[in-house]
Amino acid sequence: MGKFPEVQGGGSLILAWQVRNKRVLVVGGGEVAAGRILNLLNADAKVRVVAPRSGLNKEVAYRVEQNQVDYVDRNFEPSDLDDPNIVMVLTAIDDPEASSKIWKLCKQKRIAANIADVPPECDFYFGSVHRDGPLQIMVSTNGNGPKMANIVRRRIAANLPDNMGAAIQKVGMLRKRLRVMVPGNEEGAKRMQWMSKVCTKWSLEELCELSESDMDILLKSYKPNVIPTLEQVRLDETPGDWTFDGSFGWACVV
């Protein structure tokens, strides 16, 4: 038998949870709640905040005033979980007993919940996130050390090119256009291979420079399965003018 990776227990399954247009309940209105709310709004969630107005910090109060969240001015009540559209509950209140009660109610209703600062009562954790346009990198310590996650995240971010997010955005645009040009499922593997070659051959700086007209010309190379240089794209040379080493995806003018 071959050698396979060893199992390392004790981790979390890190996922990108799509909460766009889904209802999320946040209990609390302090500093921790403010961070949670911003994360949710960045993910286009429909956020409902339950907390007395006297307990709102300036940022949460601003979100309420701007109608960025659905606000309920009172303490949490069990009936707040009766909304069948709620997919997630986040609590950020300075009352451990009340938080545990909310946790138990969520378990009864099978709603995923995160109880701030109580790892055993969390179905998921919030990591330290670096964001650059479409690029998101999360560092998690599985509840062991949030501050350490922040330190590691900053170190990773410091070593990334400044234009990484812009390059990824251009790649996303190219990928969408390719799927429109060749939509069939039978083309799936070839699409992935071709996009992989583009990302490998082109530098981040070149990907950032891609214009709509550049993409038009670059997409012409899909069927002959060649990858032109940016210079060749700008010269609007045709695929017939290139030779191709299929193992590396390199092209050169004949």
C-alpha atoms as a PDB file:
ATOM      1  CA  MET A   1       0.000   0.000   0.000  1.00  0.00           C
ATOM      2  CA  GLY A   2       1.080   3.599  -0.598  1.00  0.00           C
ATOM      3  CA  LYS A   3       2.024   6.044   2.102  1.00  0.00           C
ATOM      4  CA  PHE A   4      -0.884   8.237   3.110  1.00  0.00           C
ATOM      5  CA  PRO A   5      -1.046  11.378   5.289  1.00  0.00           C
ATOM      6  CA  GLU A   6      -1.355  10.701   8.994  1.00  0.00           C
ATOM      7  CA  VAL A   7      -4.571  11.749  10.703  1.00  0.00           C
ATOM      8  CA  GLN A   8      -4.094  14.743  13.015  1.00  0.00           C
ATOM      9  CA  GLY A   9      -7.105  14.919  15.294  1.00  0.00           C
ATOM     10  CA  GLY A  10      -8.217  17.941  17.262  1.00  0.00           C
ATOM     11  CA  GLY A  11      -8.650  20.270  14.297  1.00  0.00           C
ATOM     12  CA  SER A  12     -11.656  22.030  12.809  1.00  0.00           C
ATOM     13  CA  LEU A  13     -13.138  21.673   9.353  1.00  0.00           C
ATOM     14  CA  ILE A  14     -12.413  25.122   7.935  1.00  0.00           C
ATOM     15  CA  LEU A  15     -15.085  26.114   5.412  1.00  0.00           C
ATOM     16  CA  ALA A  16     -16.234  29.225   3.587  1.00  0.00           C
ATOM     17  CA  TRP A  17     -19.827  29.370   4.834  1.00  0.00           C
ATOM     18  CA  GLN A  18     -22.080  31.052   2.271  1.00  0.00           C
ATOM     19  CA  VAL A  19     -24.597  33.122   4.291  1.00  0.00           C
ATOM     20  CA  ARG A  20     -25.568  35.527   1.518  1.00  0.00           C
ATOM     21  CA  ASN A  21     -29.221  36.577   1.981  1.00  0.00           C
ATOM     22  CA  LYS A  22     -29.583  34.214   4.956  1.00  0.00           C
ATOM     23  CA  ARG A  23     -30.838  35.275   8.390  1.00  0.00           C
ATOM     24  CA  VAL A  24     -28.276  35.374  11.200  1.00  0.00           C
ATOM     25  CA  LEU A  25     -29.166  36.358  14.778  1.00  0.00           C
ATOM     26  CA  VAL A  26     -26.640  38.306  16.858  1.00  0.00           C
ATOM     27  CA  VAL A  27     -27.341  38.632  20.583  1.00  0.00           C
ATOM     28  CA  GLY A  28     -25.451  41.562  22.092  1.00  0.00           C
ATOM     29  CA  GLY A  29     -24.299  44.971  20.972  1.00  0.00           C
ATOM     30  CA  GLY A  30     -20.793  45.515  22.353  1.00  0.00           C
ATOM     31  CA  GLU A  31     -17.329  45.443  20.791  1.00  0.00           C
ATOM     32  CA  VAL A  32     -17.310  41.695  20.102  1.00  0.00           C
ATOM     33  CA  ALA A  33     -20.779  41.888  18.542  1.00  0.00           C
ATOM     34  CA  ALA A  34     -19.594  44.783  16.338  1.00  0.00           C
ATOM     35  CA  GLY A  35     -16.852  42.610  14.862  1.00  0.00           C
ATOM     36  CA  ARG A  36     -19.230  39.716  14.296  1.00  0.00           C
ATOM     37  CA  ILE A  37     -21.773  41.992  12.611  1.00  0.00           C
ATOM     38  CA  LEU A  38     -19.176  43.445  10.243  1.00  0.00           C
ATOM     39  CA  ASN A  39     -18.042  39.935   9.244  1.00  0.00           C
ATOM     40  CA  LEU A  40     -21.634  38.976   8.510  1.00  0.00           C
ATOM     41  CA  LEU A  41     -22.403  42.120   6.517  1.00  0.00           C
ATOM     42  CA  ASN A  42     -19.245  41.557   4.471  1.00  0.00           C
ATOM     43  CA  ALA A  43     -20.679  38.132   3.650  1.00  0.00           C
ATOM     44  CA  ASP A  44     -24.026  39.712   2.604  1.00  0.00           C
ATOM     45  CA  ALA A  45     -25.992  38.068   5.409  1.00  0.00           C
ATOM     46  CA  LYS A  46     -29.308  39.402   6.693  1.00  0.00           C
ATOM     47  CA  VAL A  47     -28.380  40.348  10.249  1.00  0.00           C
ATOM     48  CA  ARG A  48     -30.811  40.688  13.153  1.00  0.00           C
ATOM     49  CA  VAL A  49     -29.421  42.217  16.360  1.00  0.00           C
ATOM     50  CA  VAL A  50     -31.126  41.713  19.713  1.00  0.00           C
ATOM     51  CA  ALA A  51     -29.793  43.934  22.517  1.00  0.00           C
ATOM     52  CA  PRO A  52     -30.973  46.819  24.702  1.00  0.00           C
ATOM     53  CA  ARG A  53     -30.151  50.182  23.118  1.00  0.00           C
ATOM     54  CA  SER A  54     -28.257  51.162  26.272  1.00  0.00           C
ATOM     55  CA  GLY A  55     -25.790  48.335  25.563  1.00  0.00           C
ATOM     56  CA  LEU A  56     -24.932  49.283  21.986  1.00  0.00           C
ATOM     57  CA  ASN A  57     -21.439  50.556  21.291  1.00  0.00           C
ATOM     58  CA  LYS A  58     -20.915  53.313  18.711  1.00  0.00           C
ATOM     59  CA  GLU A  59     -20.288  50.963  15.785  1.00  0.00           C
ATOM     60  CA  VAL A  60     -23.334  48.788  16.381  1.00  0.00           C
ATOM     61  CA  ALA A  61     -25.466  51.912  16.949  1.00  0.00           C
ATOM     62  CA  TYR A  62     -24.218  53.185  13.571  1.00  0.00           C
ATOM     63  CA  ARG A  63     -25.214  49.927  11.854  1.00  0.00           C
ATOM     64  CA  VAL A  64     -28.679  50.282  13.384  1.00  0.00           C
ATOM     65  CA  GLU A  65     -29.029  53.949  12.363  1.00  0.00           C
ATOM     66  CA  GLN A  66     -27.987  53.136   8.795  1.00  0.00           C
ATOM     67  CA  ASN A  67     -30.519  50.270   8.642  1.00  0.00           C
ATOM     68  CA  GLN A  68     -27.715  47.844   7.859  1.00  0.00           C
ATOM     69  CA  VAL A  69     -29.216  45.420  10.392  1.00  0.00           C
ATOM     70  CA  ASP A  70     -32.671  44.476  11.623  1.00  0.00           C
ATOM     71  CA  TYR A  71     -32.696  45.690  15.236  1.00  0.00           C
ATOM     72  CA  VAL A  72     -34.716  44.533  18.273  1.00  0.00           C
ATOM     73  CA  ASP A  73     -34.333  46.809  21.322  1.00  0.00           C
ATOM     74  CA  ARG A  74     -34.513  44.400  24.269  1.00  0.00           C
ATOM     75  CA  ASN A  75     -32.830  41.397  25.866  1.00  0.00           C
ATOM     76  CA  PHE A  76     -32.970  38.016  24.146  1.00  0.00           C
ATOM     77  CA  GLU A  77     -36.163  35.986  24.452  1.00  0.00           C
ATOM     78  CA  PRO A  78     -36.631  32.309  23.452  1.00  0.00           C
ATOM     79  CA  SER A  79     -39.190  33.390  20.858  1.00  0.00           C
ATOM     80  CA  ASP A  80     -36.346  35.064  18.924  1.00  0.00           C
ATOM     81  CA  LEU A  81     -35.415  31.584  17.695  1.00  0.00           C
ATOM     82  CA  ASP A  82     -38.888  30.872  16.300  1.00  0.00           C
ATOM     83  CA  ASP A  83     -37.978  32.386  12.938  1.00  0.00           C
ATOM     84  CA  PRO A  84     -37.446  29.319  10.693  1.00  0.00           C
ATOM     85  CA  ASN A  85     -35.121  31.344   8.447  1.00  0.00           C
ATOM     86  CA  ILE A  86     -32.411  31.700  11.094  1.00  0.00           C
ATOM     87  CA  VAL A  87     -29.383  29.616  10.074  1.00  0.00           C
ATOM     88  CA  MET A  88     -26.886  30.828  12.666  1.00  0.00           C
ATOM     89  CA  VAL A  89     -26.820  32.440  16.125  1.00  0.00           C
ATOM     90  CA  LEU A  90     -23.942  34.431  17.597  1.00  0.00           C
ATOM     91  CA  THR A  91     -23.953  35.582  21.200  1.00  0.00           C
ATOM     92  CA  ALA A  92     -21.662  38.271  22.586  1.00  0.00           C
ATOM     93  CA  ILE A  93     -23.001  39.162  26.021  1.00  0.00           C
ATOM     94  CA  ASP A  94     -21.404  39.392  29.457  1.00  0.00           C
ATOM     95  CA  ASP A  95     -23.726  36.858  31.039  1.00  0.00           C
ATOM     96  CA  PRO A  96     -22.421  33.252  30.981  1.00  0.00           C
ATOM     97  CA  GLU A  97     -25.649  31.803  32.364  1.00  0.00           C
ATOM     98  CA  ALA A  98     -27.824  33.535  29.766  1.00  0.00           C
ATOM     99  CA  SER A  99     -25.385  32.539  27.016  1.00  0.00           C
ATOM    100  CA  SER A 100     -25.574  28.879  28.025  1.00  0.00           C
ATOM    101  CA  LYS A 101     -29.364  29.005  27.959  1.00  0.00           C
ATOM    102  CA  ILE A 102     -29.252  30.376  24.408  1.00  0.00           C
ATOM    103  CA  TRP A 103     -26.795  27.620  23.460  1.00  0.00           C
ATOM    104  CA  LYS A 104     -29.128  24.925  24.786  1.00  0.00           C
ATOM    105  CA  LEU A 105     -32.101  26.426  22.950  1.00  0.00           C
ATOM    106  CA  CYS A 106     -30.107  26.455  19.728  1.00  0.00           C
ATOM    107  CA  LYS A 107     -29.218  22.784  20.221  1.00  0.00           C
ATOM    108  CA  GLN A 108     -32.897  21.948  20.660  1.00  0.00           C
ATOM    109  CA  LYS A 109     -33.726  23.729  17.412  1.00  0.00           C
ATOM    110  CA  ARG A 110     -30.604  22.437  15.633  1.00  0.00           C
ATOM    111  CA  ILE A 111     -29.330  25.919  14.864  1.00  0.00           C
ATOM    112  CA  ALA A 112     -25.560  26.387  14.591  1.00  0.00           C
ATOM    113  CA  ALA A 113     -24.305  28.729  17.303  1.00  0.00           C
ATOM    114  CA  ASN A 114     -21.181  30.492  18.512  1.00  0.00           C
ATOM    115  CA  ILE A 115     -21.050  31.553  22.156  1.00  0.00           C
ATOM    116  CA  ALA A 116     -18.286  34.149  22.482  1.00  0.00           C
ATOM    117  CA  ASP A 117     -15.363  33.130  24.733  1.00  0.00           C
ATOM    118  CA  VAL A 118     -16.890  29.712  25.505  1.00  0.00           C
ATOM    119  CA  PRO A 119     -15.203  27.224  23.099  1.00  0.00           C
ATOM    120  CA  PRO A 120     -17.163  24.153  24.338  1.00  0.00           C
ATOM    121  CA  GLU A 121     -20.388  25.931  23.385  1.00  0.00           C
ATOM    122  CA  CYS A 122     -19.386  26.741  19.821  1.00  0.00           C
ATOM    123  CA  ASP A 123     -20.328  24.811  16.700  1.00  0.00           C
ATOM    124  CA  PHE A 124     -17.772  26.933  14.839  1.00  0.00           C
ATOM    125  CA  TYR A 125     -15.035  29.448  15.596  1.00  0.00           C
ATOM    126  CA  PHE A 126     -14.169  32.827  14.148  1.00  0.00           C
ATOM    127  CA  GLY A 127     -10.556  33.001  13.033  1.00  0.00           C
ATOM    128  CA  SER A 128      -8.362  35.980  12.246  1.00  0.00           C
ATOM    129  CA  VAL A 129      -9.084  36.969   8.629  1.00  0.00           C
ATOM    130  CA  HIS A 130      -7.006  38.780   6.020  1.00  0.00           C
ATOM    131  CA  ARG A 131      -9.165  40.312   3.284  1.00  0.00           C
ATOM    132  CA  ASP A 132      -8.021  41.686  -0.061  1.00  0.00           C
ATOM    133  CA  GLY A 133     -10.965  41.905  -2.435  1.00  0.00           C
ATOM    134  CA  PRO A 134     -12.022  38.336  -3.294  1.00  0.00           C
ATOM    135  CA  LEU A 135      -9.079  36.897  -1.359  1.00  0.00           C
ATOM    136  CA  GLN A 136      -9.814  35.753   2.193  1.00  0.00           C
ATOM    137  CA  ILE A 137      -7.311  33.938   4.395  1.00  0.00           C
ATOM    138  CA  MET A 138      -8.403  32.699   7.803  1.00  0.00           C
ATOM    139  CA  VAL A 139      -6.100  31.615  10.612  1.00  0.00           C
ATOM    140  CA  SER A 140      -7.658  29.544  13.379  1.00  0.00           C
ATOM    141  CA  THR A 141      -6.171  28.297  16.644  1.00  0.00           C
ATOM    142  CA  ASN A 142      -9.274  26.178  17.371  1.00  0.00           C
ATOM    143  CA  GLY A 143     -10.168  28.417  20.278  1.00  0.00           C
ATOM    144  CA  ASN A 144      -6.765  28.149  21.945  1.00  0.00           C
ATOM    145  CA  GLY A 145      -5.374  31.611  21.319  1.00  0.00           C
ATOM    146  CA  PRO A 146      -7.222  34.309  19.340  1.00  0.00           C
ATOM    147  CA  LYS A 147      -4.345  36.752  19.813  1.00  0.00           C
ATOM    148  CA  MET A 148      -1.888  34.237  18.340  1.00  0.00           C
ATOM    149  CA  ALA A 149      -4.171  33.814  15.335  1.00  0.00           C
ATOM    150  CA  ASN A 150      -4.007  37.567  14.820  1.00  0.00           C
ATOM    151  CA  ILE A 151      -0.196  37.555  14.983  1.00  0.00           C
ATOM    152  CA  VAL A 152       0.092  34.688  12.481  1.00  0.00           C
ATOM    153  CA  ARG A 153      -2.432  36.326  10.141  1.00  0.00           C
ATOM    154  CA  ARG A 154      -0.463  39.593  10.105  1.00  0.00           C
ATOM    155  CA  ARG A 155       2.758  37.738   9.329  1.00  0.00           C
ATOM    156  CA  ILE A 156       1.135  35.909   6.409  1.00  0.00           C
ATOM    157  CA  ALA A 157      -0.412  39.118   5.062  1.00  0.00           C
ATOM    158  CA  ALA A 158       2.931  40.938   5.235  1.00  0.00           C
ATOM    159  CA  ASN A 159       4.435  38.398   2.831  1.00  0.00           C
ATOM    160  CA  LEU A 160       1.685  38.659   0.204  1.00  0.00           C
ATOM    161  CA  PRO A 161       2.023  40.900  -2.876  1.00  0.00           C
ATOM    162  CA  ASP A 162      -0.015  44.094  -2.647  1.00  0.00           C
ATOM    163  CA  ASN A 163      -1.868  43.257  -5.865  1.00  0.00           C
ATOM    164  CA  MET A 164      -2.875  39.693  -4.991  1.00  0.00           C
ATOM    165  CA  GLY A 165      -6.568  40.518  -4.611  1.00  0.00           C
ATOM    166  CA  ALA A 166      -6.722  42.390  -7.924  1.00  0.00           C
ATOM    167  CA  ALA A 167      -5.007  39.511  -9.733  1.00  0.00           C
ATOM    168  CA  ILE A 168      -7.495  37.012  -8.296  1.00  0.00           C
ATOM    169  CA  GLN A 169     -10.396  39.229  -9.339  1.00  0.00           C
ATOM    170  CA  LYS A 170      -9.148  39.287 -12.929  1.00  0.00           C
ATOM    171  CA  VAL A 171      -8.729  35.497 -12.894  1.00  0.00           C
ATOM    172  CA  GLY A 172     -12.323  35.189 -11.673  1.00  0.00           C
ATOM    173  CA  MET A 173     -13.559  37.362 -14.543  1.00  0.00           C
ATOM    174  CA  LEU A 174     -11.587  35.294 -17.054  1.00  0.00           C
ATOM    175  CA  ARG A 175     -12.936  32.050 -15.586  1.00  0.00           C
ATOM    176  CA  LYS A 176     -16.544  33.269 -15.837  1.00  0.00           C
ATOM    177  CA  ARG A 177     -16.068  34.285 -19.445  1.00  0.00           C
ATOM    178  CA  LEU A 178     -14.509  30.923 -20.250  1.00  0.00           C
ATOM    179  CA  ARG A 179     -17.504  29.089 -18.776  1.00  0.00           C
ATOM    180  CA  VAL A 180     -19.833  31.169 -20.964  1.00  0.00           C
ATOM    181  CA  MET A 181     -17.707  30.459 -24.037  1.00  0.00           C
ATOM    182  CA  VAL A 182     -17.532  26.680 -23.388  1.00  0.00           C
ATOM    183  CA  PRO A 183     -20.346  25.838 -20.945  1.00  0.00           C
ATOM    184  CA  GLY A 184     -20.552  22.074 -21.347  1.00  0.00           C
ATOM    185  CA  ASN A 185     -19.776  19.784 -18.414  1.00  0.00           C
ATOM    186  CA  GLU A 186     -17.615  17.684 -20.716  1.00  0.00           C
ATOM    187  CA  GLU A 187     -15.277  20.688 -20.979  1.00  0.00           C
ATOM    188  CA  GLY A 188     -14.829  20.931 -17.200  1.00  0.00           C
ATOM    189  CA  ALA A 189     -11.448  19.199 -16.936  1.00  0.00           C
ATOM    190  CA  LYS A 190     -10.020  21.079 -19.903  1.00  0.00           C
ATOM    191  CA  ARG A 191     -11.243  24.418 -18.530  1.00  0.00           C
ATOM    192  CA  MET A 192      -9.533  23.735 -15.199  1.00  0.00           C
ATOM    193  CA  GLN A 193      -6.273  22.694 -16.870  1.00  0.00           C
ATOM    194  CA  TRP A 194      -6.223  25.739 -19.134  1.00  0.00           C
ATOM    195  CA  MET A 195      -6.943  28.161 -16.282  1.00  0.00           C
ATOM    196  CA  SER A 196      -4.235  26.479 -14.204  1.00  0.00           C
ATOM    197  CA  LYS A 197      -1.722  27.042 -16.993  1.00  0.00           C
ATOM    198  CA  VAL A 198      -2.681  30.712 -17.263  1.00  0.00           C
ATOM    199  CA  CYS A 199      -2.203  31.227 -13.515  1.00  0.00           C
ATOM    200  CA  THR A 200       1.142  29.409 -13.604  1.00  0.00           C
ATOM    201  CA  LYS A 201       2.581  31.186 -16.629  1.00  0.00           C
ATOM    202  CA  TRP A 202       1.372  34.738 -16.060  1.00  0.00           C
ATOM    203  CA  SER A 203       2.756  36.834 -13.218  1.00  0.00           C
ATOM    204  CA  LEU A 204       0.485  38.596 -10.726  1.00  0.00           C
ATOM    205  CA  GLU A 205       1.397  41.908 -12.300  1.00  0.00           C
ATOM    206  CA  GLU A 206       0.384  40.654 -15.753  1.00  0.00           C
ATOM    207  CA  LEU A 207      -2.899  39.251 -14.458  1.00  0.00           C
ATOM    208  CA  CYS A 208      -3.665  42.621 -12.869  1.00  0.00           C
ATOM    209  CA  GLU A 209      -3.138  44.315 -16.242  1.00  0.00           C
ATOM    210  CA  LEU A 210      -5.679  42.118 -18.069  1.00  0.00           C
ATOM    211  CA  SER A 211      -8.291  44.241 -19.813  1.00  0.00           C
ATOM    212  CA  GLU A 212     -11.550  43.114 -21.421  1.00  0.00           C
ATOM    213  CA  SER A 213      -9.923  43.210 -24.862  1.00  0.00           C
ATOM    214  CA  ASP A 214      -6.926  41.263 -23.554  1.00  0.00           C
ATOM    215  CA  MET A 215      -9.296  38.577 -22.288  1.00  0.00           C
ATOM    216  CA  ASP A 216     -10.983  38.398 -25.708  1.00  0.00           C
ATOM    217  CA  ILE A 217      -7.638  37.600 -27.310  1.00  0.00           C
ATOM    218  CA  LEU A 218      -6.430  35.299 -24.540  1.00  0.00           C
ATOM    219  CA  LEU A 219      -9.595  33.200 -24.773  1.00  0.00           C
ATOM    220  CA  LYS A 220      -8.813  32.480 -28.422  1.00  0.00           C
ATOM    221  CA  SER A 221      -5.975  30.260 -27.177  1.00  0.00           C
ATOM    222  CA  TYR A 222      -8.366  27.916 -25.328  1.00  0.00           C
ATOM    223  CA  LYS A 223      -9.238  25.576 -28.219  1.00  0.00           C
ATOM    224  CA  PRO A 224      -5.644  25.031 -29.436  1.00  0.00           C
ATOM    225  CA  ASN A 225      -4.736  24.729 -25.721  1.00  0.00           C
ATOM    226  CA  VAL A 226      -1.846  27.178 -25.781  1.00  0.00           C
ATOM    227  CA  ILE A 227      -0.917  29.954 -23.390  1.00  0.00           C
ATOM    228  CA  PRO A 228       0.373  33.145 -25.023  1.00  0.00           C
ATOM    229  CA  THR A 229       2.494  35.733 -23.285  1.00  0.00           C
ATOM    230  CA  LEU A 230       1.050  39.135 -22.431  1.00  0.00           C
ATOM    231  CA  GLU A 231       3.158  40.594 -25.224  1.00  0.00           C
ATOM    232  CA  GLN A 232       1.609  38.190 -27.735  1.00  0.00           C
ATOM    233  CA  VAL A 233      -1.856  39.082 -26.484  1.00  0.00           C
ATOM    234  CA  ARG A 234      -1.146  42.791 -26.849  1.00  0.00           C
ATOM    235  CA  LEU A 235       0.171  42.203 -30.391  1.00  0.00           C
ATOM    236  CA  ASP A 236      -3.084  40.309 -31.111  1.00  0.00           C
ATOM    237  CA  GLU A 237      -1.215  37.420 -32.658  1.00  0.00           C
ATOM    238  CA  THR A 238      -3.231  34.347 -33.592  1.00  0.00           C
ATOM    239  CA  PRO A 239      -2.801  30.875 -32.040  1.00  0.00           C
ATOM    240  CA  GLY A 240      -1.302  29.647 -35.296  1.00  0.00           C
ATOM    241  CA  ASP A 241       1.677  31.924 -34.676  1.00  0.00           C
ATOM    242  CA  TRP A 242       2.605  30.066 -31.464  1.00  0.00           C
ATOM    243  CA  THR A 243       4.291  26.778 -30.748  1.00  0.00           C
ATOM    244  CA  PHE A 244       3.428  24.973 -27.571  1.00  0.00           C
ATOM    245  CA  ASP A 245       5.180  22.733 -25.106  1.00  0.00           C
ATOM    246  CA  GLY A 246       2.181  21.004 -23.525  1.00  0.00           C
ATOM    247  CA  SER A 247       4.059  19.909 -20.445  1.00  0.00           C
ATOM    248  CA  PHE A 248       4.675  23.420 -19.214  1.00  0.00           C
ATOM    249  CA  GLY A 249       2.178  25.584 -21.070  1.00  0.00           C
ATOM    250  CA  TRP A 250       4.905  27.832 -22.515  1.00  0.00           C
ATOM    251  CA  ALA A 251       4.420  29.559 -25.850  1.00  0.00           C
ATOM    252  CA  CYS A 252       6.859  31.343 -28.130  1.00  0.00           C
ATOM    253  CA  VAL A 253       6.693  33.150 -31.449  1.00  0.00           C
ATOM    254  CA  VAL A 254       7.798  31.088 -34.435  1.00  0.00           C
END
